N, C-alpha and C. Protein backbone atom coordinates (compact mmCIF):
# COMPACT_ATOMS: atom_id res chain seq x y z
N MET A 1 122.68 111.17 107.27
CA MET A 1 121.80 110.64 106.24
C MET A 1 121.05 109.41 106.79
N HIS A 2 119.83 109.26 106.30
CA HIS A 2 118.97 108.15 106.70
C HIS A 2 118.75 107.24 105.50
N THR A 3 118.45 105.99 105.76
CA THR A 3 118.16 105.03 104.70
C THR A 3 116.67 104.75 104.69
N ALA A 4 116.08 104.86 103.51
CA ALA A 4 114.65 104.59 103.36
C ALA A 4 114.45 103.61 102.21
N PHE A 5 113.44 102.76 102.38
CA PHE A 5 113.02 101.83 101.32
C PHE A 5 111.62 102.23 100.90
N ILE A 6 111.42 102.34 99.59
CA ILE A 6 110.15 102.80 99.03
C ILE A 6 109.65 101.79 98.01
N ALA A 7 108.40 101.36 98.17
CA ALA A 7 107.77 100.47 97.20
C ALA A 7 107.13 101.30 96.10
N LEU A 8 107.24 100.84 94.87
CA LEU A 8 106.62 101.48 93.72
C LEU A 8 105.69 100.48 93.05
N GLY A 9 104.55 100.95 92.56
CA GLY A 9 103.62 100.08 91.85
C GLY A 9 102.81 100.88 90.85
N SER A 10 102.44 100.21 89.76
CA SER A 10 101.62 100.83 88.73
C SER A 10 100.87 99.75 87.97
N ASN A 11 99.63 100.07 87.56
CA ASN A 11 98.91 99.15 86.68
C ASN A 11 98.06 99.88 85.65
N LEU A 12 98.36 101.14 85.40
CA LEU A 12 97.66 101.91 84.36
C LEU A 12 98.67 102.51 83.39
N GLY A 13 98.24 102.69 82.15
CA GLY A 13 99.13 103.25 81.14
C GLY A 13 100.18 102.20 80.77
N ASP A 14 101.43 102.59 80.83
CA ASP A 14 102.55 101.68 80.60
C ASP A 14 103.21 101.45 81.97
N PRO A 15 102.73 100.45 82.74
CA PRO A 15 103.20 100.30 84.12
C PRO A 15 104.72 100.14 84.26
N GLU A 16 105.34 99.38 83.37
CA GLU A 16 106.80 99.22 83.48
C GLU A 16 107.49 100.57 83.37
N GLU A 17 107.09 101.36 82.40
CA GLU A 17 107.71 102.67 82.20
C GLU A 17 107.39 103.59 83.37
N LYS A 18 106.18 103.53 83.88
CA LYS A 18 105.80 104.39 85.03
C LYS A 18 106.67 104.07 86.24
N VAL A 19 106.91 102.80 86.51
CA VAL A 19 107.74 102.43 87.65
C VAL A 19 109.18 102.90 87.43
N ARG A 20 109.69 102.73 86.22
CA ARG A 20 111.05 103.22 85.93
C ARG A 20 111.12 104.74 86.12
N GLN A 21 110.11 105.45 85.63
CA GLN A 21 110.08 106.91 85.80
C GLN A 21 109.94 107.29 87.27
N GLY A 22 109.20 106.49 88.02
CA GLY A 22 109.06 106.74 89.45
C GLY A 22 110.40 106.60 90.17
N ILE A 23 111.17 105.60 89.80
CA ILE A 23 112.51 105.43 90.38
C ILE A 23 113.38 106.63 90.05
N ALA A 24 113.31 107.09 88.80
CA ALA A 24 114.08 108.28 88.40
C ALA A 24 113.63 109.51 89.17
N ALA A 25 112.34 109.65 89.42
CA ALA A 25 111.83 110.79 90.19
C ALA A 25 112.33 110.74 91.63
N LEU A 26 112.39 109.56 92.21
CA LEU A 26 112.95 109.43 93.56
C LEU A 26 114.43 109.81 93.57
N ALA A 27 115.16 109.37 92.54
CA ALA A 27 116.59 109.68 92.45
C ALA A 27 116.84 111.18 92.29
N ALA A 28 115.86 111.89 91.74
CA ALA A 28 116.01 113.33 91.50
C ALA A 28 115.56 114.19 92.69
N LEU A 29 115.04 113.56 93.74
CA LEU A 29 114.60 114.34 94.89
C LEU A 29 115.76 115.10 95.50
N PRO A 30 115.55 116.38 95.85
CA PRO A 30 116.59 117.09 96.59
C PRO A 30 116.80 116.40 97.94
N GLN A 31 117.98 116.42 98.42
CA GLN A 31 118.33 115.81 99.70
C GLN A 31 118.14 114.30 99.70
N ALA A 32 118.28 113.68 98.53
CA ALA A 32 118.16 112.23 98.45
C ALA A 32 119.11 111.69 97.38
N GLN A 33 119.54 110.46 97.59
CA GLN A 33 120.39 109.79 96.62
C GLN A 33 119.90 108.36 96.47
N LEU A 34 119.68 107.93 95.23
CA LEU A 34 119.27 106.55 94.97
C LEU A 34 120.45 105.63 95.24
N LEU A 35 120.25 104.65 96.11
CA LEU A 35 121.30 103.69 96.43
C LEU A 35 121.12 102.38 95.66
N ALA A 36 119.87 101.97 95.45
CA ALA A 36 119.60 100.71 94.76
C ALA A 36 118.15 100.69 94.30
N ALA A 37 117.92 99.93 93.24
CA ALA A 37 116.55 99.68 92.75
C ALA A 37 116.47 98.23 92.34
N SER A 38 115.38 97.60 92.73
CA SER A 38 115.18 96.18 92.40
C SER A 38 114.80 96.03 90.93
N SER A 39 114.72 94.80 90.53
CA SER A 39 114.11 94.47 89.24
C SER A 39 112.63 94.81 89.32
N LEU A 40 111.96 94.74 88.18
CA LEU A 40 110.51 94.92 88.13
C LEU A 40 109.85 93.55 88.26
N TYR A 41 108.72 93.54 88.94
CA TYR A 41 107.97 92.30 89.18
C TYR A 41 106.51 92.52 88.79
N ARG A 42 105.88 91.50 88.25
CA ARG A 42 104.46 91.55 87.91
C ARG A 42 103.69 90.74 88.94
N SER A 43 102.57 91.32 89.40
CA SER A 43 101.73 90.62 90.38
C SER A 43 100.27 90.92 90.14
N ALA A 44 99.43 90.00 90.55
CA ALA A 44 97.98 90.22 90.49
C ALA A 44 97.59 91.24 91.54
N ALA A 45 96.54 91.99 91.27
CA ALA A 45 96.04 92.98 92.22
C ALA A 45 95.48 92.28 93.46
N LEU A 46 95.71 92.89 94.61
CA LEU A 46 95.12 92.41 95.87
C LEU A 46 93.97 93.34 96.22
N GLY A 47 93.04 92.85 97.03
CA GLY A 47 91.90 93.69 97.41
C GLY A 47 90.89 93.74 96.29
N HIS A 48 90.88 94.83 95.53
CA HIS A 48 89.98 94.98 94.38
C HIS A 48 90.63 94.26 93.20
N ALA A 49 90.25 93.00 92.99
CA ALA A 49 90.96 92.14 92.04
C ALA A 49 90.58 92.36 90.58
N ASP A 50 89.48 93.04 90.30
CA ASP A 50 89.02 93.23 88.92
C ASP A 50 89.73 94.44 88.30
N GLN A 51 91.03 94.27 88.05
CA GLN A 51 91.84 95.33 87.46
C GLN A 51 93.10 94.70 86.88
N PRO A 52 93.84 95.44 86.05
CA PRO A 52 95.06 94.88 85.45
C PRO A 52 96.10 94.52 86.51
N ASP A 53 97.00 93.60 86.13
CA ASP A 53 98.12 93.25 86.99
C ASP A 53 98.98 94.48 87.27
N PHE A 54 99.70 94.42 88.37
CA PHE A 54 100.61 95.50 88.75
C PHE A 54 102.03 95.18 88.36
N VAL A 55 102.81 96.22 88.13
CA VAL A 55 104.26 96.14 88.05
C VAL A 55 104.78 96.81 89.31
N ASN A 56 105.68 96.12 90.02
CA ASN A 56 106.19 96.60 91.30
C ASN A 56 107.70 96.59 91.33
N ALA A 57 108.27 97.41 92.21
CA ALA A 57 109.70 97.44 92.47
C ALA A 57 109.89 98.07 93.85
N VAL A 58 111.12 98.01 94.34
CA VAL A 58 111.49 98.69 95.58
C VAL A 58 112.78 99.45 95.32
N ALA A 59 112.83 100.69 95.82
CA ALA A 59 114.02 101.52 95.73
C ALA A 59 114.55 101.79 97.13
N GLN A 60 115.86 101.89 97.22
CA GLN A 60 116.52 102.27 98.47
C GLN A 60 117.18 103.62 98.24
N ILE A 61 116.92 104.57 99.14
CA ILE A 61 117.53 105.88 99.02
C ILE A 61 118.21 106.26 100.33
N ALA A 62 119.18 107.14 100.21
CA ALA A 62 119.76 107.82 101.37
C ALA A 62 119.19 109.23 101.32
N THR A 63 118.74 109.74 102.47
CA THR A 63 118.10 111.05 102.48
C THR A 63 118.34 111.77 103.80
N SER A 64 118.34 113.09 103.71
CA SER A 64 118.37 113.90 104.93
C SER A 64 116.97 114.40 105.27
N LEU A 65 115.98 114.05 104.45
CA LEU A 65 114.60 114.43 104.72
C LEU A 65 114.05 113.63 105.89
N ALA A 66 113.28 114.27 106.74
CA ALA A 66 112.57 113.57 107.81
C ALA A 66 111.50 112.68 107.18
N PRO A 67 111.02 111.66 107.89
CA PRO A 67 110.02 110.76 107.29
C PRO A 67 108.79 111.50 106.74
N GLN A 68 108.27 112.47 107.46
CA GLN A 68 107.08 113.20 107.00
C GLN A 68 107.38 114.01 105.73
N ALA A 69 108.56 114.62 105.68
CA ALA A 69 108.94 115.40 104.49
C ALA A 69 109.16 114.48 103.30
N LEU A 70 109.74 113.32 103.53
CA LEU A 70 109.93 112.35 102.45
C LEU A 70 108.57 111.88 101.94
N LEU A 71 107.65 111.58 102.85
CA LEU A 71 106.31 111.16 102.43
C LEU A 71 105.64 112.26 101.61
N ALA A 72 105.76 113.51 102.01
CA ALA A 72 105.16 114.62 101.26
C ALA A 72 105.76 114.70 99.85
N ALA A 73 107.07 114.49 99.74
CA ALA A 73 107.72 114.50 98.43
C ALA A 73 107.22 113.33 97.57
N MET A 74 107.02 112.18 98.19
CA MET A 74 106.51 111.01 97.47
C MET A 74 105.08 111.26 96.97
N LEU A 75 104.24 111.87 97.80
CA LEU A 75 102.86 112.17 97.39
C LEU A 75 102.85 113.17 96.24
N ALA A 76 103.79 114.11 96.24
CA ALA A 76 103.89 115.08 95.14
C ALA A 76 104.28 114.37 93.84
N ILE A 77 105.17 113.38 93.93
CA ILE A 77 105.53 112.59 92.73
C ILE A 77 104.29 111.85 92.22
N GLU A 78 103.54 111.21 93.12
CA GLU A 78 102.32 110.52 92.70
C GLU A 78 101.38 111.47 91.97
N GLN A 79 101.21 112.66 92.48
CA GLN A 79 100.31 113.63 91.85
C GLN A 79 100.82 114.02 90.46
N ARG A 80 102.14 114.19 90.31
CA ARG A 80 102.71 114.51 88.99
C ARG A 80 102.40 113.41 87.98
N PHE A 81 102.29 112.19 88.45
CA PHE A 81 102.00 111.05 87.57
C PHE A 81 100.50 110.82 87.41
N GLY A 82 99.68 111.70 87.96
CA GLY A 82 98.24 111.60 87.77
C GLY A 82 97.54 110.63 88.69
N ARG A 83 98.12 110.35 89.84
CA ARG A 83 97.50 109.41 90.80
C ARG A 83 96.15 109.95 91.28
N GLU A 84 95.14 109.12 91.19
CA GLU A 84 93.81 109.45 91.71
C GLU A 84 93.44 108.39 92.74
N ARG A 85 92.86 108.82 93.84
CA ARG A 85 92.47 107.90 94.91
C ARG A 85 90.94 107.82 94.94
N SER A 86 90.38 107.15 93.93
CA SER A 86 88.92 107.09 93.80
C SER A 86 88.28 106.12 94.80
N PHE A 87 88.97 105.03 95.13
CA PHE A 87 88.50 104.09 96.15
C PHE A 87 89.68 103.24 96.59
N LEU A 88 89.54 102.57 97.73
CA LEU A 88 90.60 101.75 98.30
C LEU A 88 91.03 100.67 97.31
N ASN A 89 92.33 100.55 97.09
CA ASN A 89 92.92 99.55 96.18
C ASN A 89 92.54 99.76 94.73
N ALA A 90 92.23 101.01 94.36
CA ALA A 90 91.87 101.33 92.98
C ALA A 90 93.10 101.20 92.07
N PRO A 91 92.87 101.03 90.76
CA PRO A 91 93.99 101.05 89.82
C PRO A 91 94.74 102.38 89.95
N ARG A 92 96.04 102.38 89.63
CA ARG A 92 96.80 103.61 89.80
C ARG A 92 97.92 103.75 88.77
N THR A 93 98.19 105.00 88.43
CA THR A 93 99.29 105.29 87.51
C THR A 93 100.62 105.08 88.20
N LEU A 94 100.73 105.52 89.46
CA LEU A 94 101.95 105.30 90.24
C LEU A 94 101.60 105.38 91.71
N ASP A 95 102.03 104.38 92.44
CA ASP A 95 101.83 104.31 93.89
C ASP A 95 103.21 104.22 94.53
N LEU A 96 103.47 105.09 95.52
CA LEU A 96 104.72 105.06 96.26
C LEU A 96 104.39 104.87 97.74
N ASP A 97 104.98 103.86 98.36
CA ASP A 97 104.76 103.59 99.78
C ASP A 97 106.09 103.61 100.51
N LEU A 98 106.16 104.39 101.57
CA LEU A 98 107.34 104.39 102.43
C LEU A 98 107.29 103.14 103.30
N LEU A 99 108.20 102.22 103.05
CA LEU A 99 108.21 100.94 103.75
C LEU A 99 108.98 101.02 105.06
N LEU A 100 110.21 101.49 104.96
CA LEU A 100 111.12 101.54 106.10
C LEU A 100 111.90 102.84 106.06
N TYR A 101 112.19 103.37 107.23
CA TYR A 101 113.02 104.57 107.37
C TYR A 101 113.96 104.26 108.52
N ASP A 102 115.22 103.95 108.19
CA ASP A 102 116.16 103.41 109.16
C ASP A 102 115.45 102.24 109.86
N ALA A 103 115.57 102.15 111.16
CA ALA A 103 114.85 101.10 111.90
C ALA A 103 113.76 101.74 112.74
N GLN A 104 113.28 102.90 112.30
CA GLN A 104 112.28 103.64 113.08
C GLN A 104 110.92 102.97 113.04
N THR A 105 110.21 103.13 114.14
CA THR A 105 108.80 102.78 114.19
C THR A 105 108.05 104.03 114.57
N MET A 106 106.91 104.24 113.97
CA MET A 106 106.05 105.37 114.30
C MET A 106 104.65 105.10 113.80
N ALA A 107 103.71 105.72 114.46
CA ALA A 107 102.30 105.64 114.05
C ALA A 107 101.71 107.03 114.23
N GLU A 108 101.59 107.73 113.11
CA GLU A 108 101.02 109.07 113.08
C GLU A 108 99.91 109.06 112.03
N PRO A 109 99.00 110.02 112.09
CA PRO A 109 98.00 110.10 111.03
C PRO A 109 98.70 110.22 109.66
N GLY A 110 98.41 109.29 108.78
CA GLY A 110 98.98 109.32 107.44
C GLY A 110 100.33 108.64 107.28
N LEU A 111 100.98 108.26 108.37
CA LEU A 111 102.30 107.62 108.25
C LEU A 111 102.52 106.63 109.39
N THR A 112 102.68 105.35 108.99
CA THR A 112 103.02 104.30 109.93
C THR A 112 104.29 103.63 109.43
N LEU A 113 105.27 103.49 110.31
CA LEU A 113 106.53 102.82 109.98
C LEU A 113 106.79 101.72 111.00
N PRO A 114 107.22 100.54 110.53
CA PRO A 114 107.27 100.17 109.12
C PRO A 114 105.87 100.14 108.51
N HIS A 115 105.82 100.11 107.17
CA HIS A 115 104.52 100.07 106.49
C HIS A 115 103.71 98.91 107.09
N PRO A 116 102.47 99.17 107.47
CA PRO A 116 101.72 98.17 108.25
C PRO A 116 101.37 96.87 107.54
N ARG A 117 101.43 96.83 106.21
CA ARG A 117 101.07 95.59 105.51
C ARG A 117 102.22 95.02 104.67
N MET A 118 103.38 95.61 104.77
CA MET A 118 104.49 95.17 103.91
C MET A 118 104.85 93.71 104.13
N HIS A 119 104.72 93.21 105.35
CA HIS A 119 105.09 91.83 105.67
C HIS A 119 104.11 90.81 105.10
N GLU A 120 102.98 91.28 104.55
CA GLU A 120 101.97 90.39 104.00
C GLU A 120 102.01 90.33 102.48
N ARG A 121 102.94 91.02 101.85
CA ARG A 121 102.90 91.21 100.40
C ARG A 121 104.18 90.74 99.72
N ALA A 122 104.06 89.68 98.95
CA ALA A 122 105.22 89.17 98.21
C ALA A 122 105.75 90.22 97.24
N PHE A 123 104.85 91.03 96.66
CA PHE A 123 105.28 92.02 95.67
C PHE A 123 106.09 93.15 96.30
N VAL A 124 106.11 93.24 97.62
CA VAL A 124 106.98 94.16 98.34
C VAL A 124 108.23 93.42 98.82
N LEU A 125 108.03 92.26 99.42
CA LEU A 125 109.14 91.54 100.06
C LEU A 125 110.17 91.01 99.07
N ALA A 126 109.75 90.46 97.96
CA ALA A 126 110.72 89.90 97.00
C ALA A 126 111.65 90.98 96.44
N PRO A 127 111.12 92.11 95.95
CA PRO A 127 112.05 93.14 95.46
C PRO A 127 112.88 93.76 96.59
N LEU A 128 112.30 93.89 97.78
CA LEU A 128 113.05 94.41 98.92
C LEU A 128 114.24 93.50 99.23
N LEU A 129 113.99 92.21 99.28
CA LEU A 129 115.06 91.26 99.60
C LEU A 129 116.09 91.16 98.47
N GLN A 130 115.70 91.47 97.25
CA GLN A 130 116.65 91.47 96.15
C GLN A 130 117.75 92.51 96.40
N ILE A 131 117.37 93.69 96.92
CA ILE A 131 118.36 94.75 97.13
C ILE A 131 118.87 94.83 98.57
N ALA A 132 118.18 94.17 99.51
CA ALA A 132 118.59 94.17 100.92
C ALA A 132 118.33 92.79 101.51
N PRO A 133 119.15 91.80 101.14
CA PRO A 133 118.88 90.41 101.52
C PRO A 133 118.79 90.15 103.03
N ALA A 134 119.44 90.97 103.82
CA ALA A 134 119.43 90.77 105.27
C ALA A 134 118.43 91.67 105.97
N CYS A 135 117.51 92.25 105.23
CA CYS A 135 116.56 93.22 105.79
C CYS A 135 115.75 92.62 106.94
N VAL A 136 115.63 93.41 107.99
CA VAL A 136 114.82 93.06 109.14
C VAL A 136 113.72 94.11 109.27
N ILE A 137 112.50 93.68 109.40
CA ILE A 137 111.37 94.59 109.58
C ILE A 137 111.23 94.85 111.08
N PRO A 138 111.40 96.11 111.51
CA PRO A 138 111.31 96.41 112.94
C PRO A 138 110.00 95.90 113.55
N GLY A 139 110.13 95.18 114.65
CA GLY A 139 108.97 94.66 115.34
C GLY A 139 108.43 93.36 114.76
N ARG A 140 108.97 92.91 113.61
CA ARG A 140 108.46 91.70 112.97
C ARG A 140 109.53 90.65 112.72
N GLY A 141 110.75 91.08 112.46
CA GLY A 141 111.83 90.13 112.23
C GLY A 141 112.29 90.12 110.78
N PRO A 142 113.07 89.10 110.39
CA PRO A 142 113.65 89.03 109.05
C PRO A 142 112.57 89.02 107.95
N ALA A 143 112.78 89.88 106.97
CA ALA A 143 111.84 89.96 105.85
C ALA A 143 111.75 88.63 105.10
N ALA A 144 112.85 87.89 105.03
CA ALA A 144 112.86 86.60 104.33
C ALA A 144 111.87 85.61 104.95
N GLU A 145 111.74 85.65 106.26
CA GLU A 145 110.78 84.75 106.91
C GLU A 145 109.35 85.12 106.53
N TRP A 146 109.08 86.40 106.37
CA TRP A 146 107.74 86.84 105.98
C TRP A 146 107.45 86.48 104.53
N LEU A 147 108.47 86.58 103.67
CA LEU A 147 108.26 86.21 102.26
C LEU A 147 107.88 84.74 102.16
N ALA A 148 108.48 83.89 102.97
CA ALA A 148 108.15 82.46 102.94
C ALA A 148 106.67 82.24 103.28
N ARG A 149 106.09 83.11 104.08
CA ARG A 149 104.68 82.99 104.46
C ARG A 149 103.74 83.49 103.35
N CYS A 150 104.31 84.12 102.33
CA CYS A 150 103.50 84.65 101.21
C CYS A 150 103.58 83.73 100.01
N ALA A 151 103.90 82.46 100.24
CA ALA A 151 104.16 81.52 99.14
C ALA A 151 102.99 81.39 98.17
N GLY A 152 101.76 81.63 98.58
CA GLY A 152 100.62 81.50 97.69
C GLY A 152 100.41 82.68 96.76
N GLN A 153 101.17 83.74 96.93
CA GLN A 153 101.02 84.92 96.07
C GLN A 153 101.92 84.80 94.84
N THR A 154 101.33 84.89 93.66
CA THR A 154 102.08 84.75 92.42
C THR A 154 102.80 86.06 92.09
N LEU A 155 104.08 85.90 91.78
CA LEU A 155 104.93 87.05 91.48
C LEU A 155 105.91 86.62 90.40
N THR A 156 106.08 87.45 89.38
CA THR A 156 106.99 87.12 88.27
C THR A 156 107.98 88.26 88.08
N ARG A 157 109.25 87.92 88.13
CA ARG A 157 110.30 88.92 87.84
C ARG A 157 110.31 89.14 86.34
N ILE A 158 110.20 90.41 85.93
CA ILE A 158 110.05 90.66 84.49
C ILE A 158 111.20 91.41 83.85
N ALA A 159 111.90 92.27 84.59
CA ALA A 159 112.96 93.06 83.96
C ALA A 159 113.78 93.78 85.00
N ALA A 160 114.98 94.16 84.60
CA ALA A 160 115.78 95.03 85.46
C ALA A 160 115.16 96.42 85.40
N ALA A 161 115.26 97.14 86.52
CA ALA A 161 114.71 98.50 86.54
C ALA A 161 115.59 99.39 85.70
């Protein structure tokens, strides 16, 4: 079994409920077991800022799926939730990002591990560190050190998942 960390985000419809349902959908994946889920966090949108705030969380799963198969399953979950990719950083019903898969590094079309921008985002790092306080980002170092560099990003813990 492999350990994967997945970021969840939503800012359309009922974002808190969408993130909770996304966690449940990950837990229901064949060949996967939910190990932990962070609290929910509210954050302002990055990139295209003229949109509602996001609700974010991170889930940890154990899986026998290869990284590409796990990503395909995650994209299928996004589609079930009505995810549309109209433009970069567009509002979304549910966004799932594969952050880490064991300590693997890879760069393939459509999949880069670790996630290439995770170390720049408090809305990823804070929930990740909540469930994996000693997490190390391969090639970058301790996630806690990266969170300290994101001090200017506003993030509010809002609820348990």
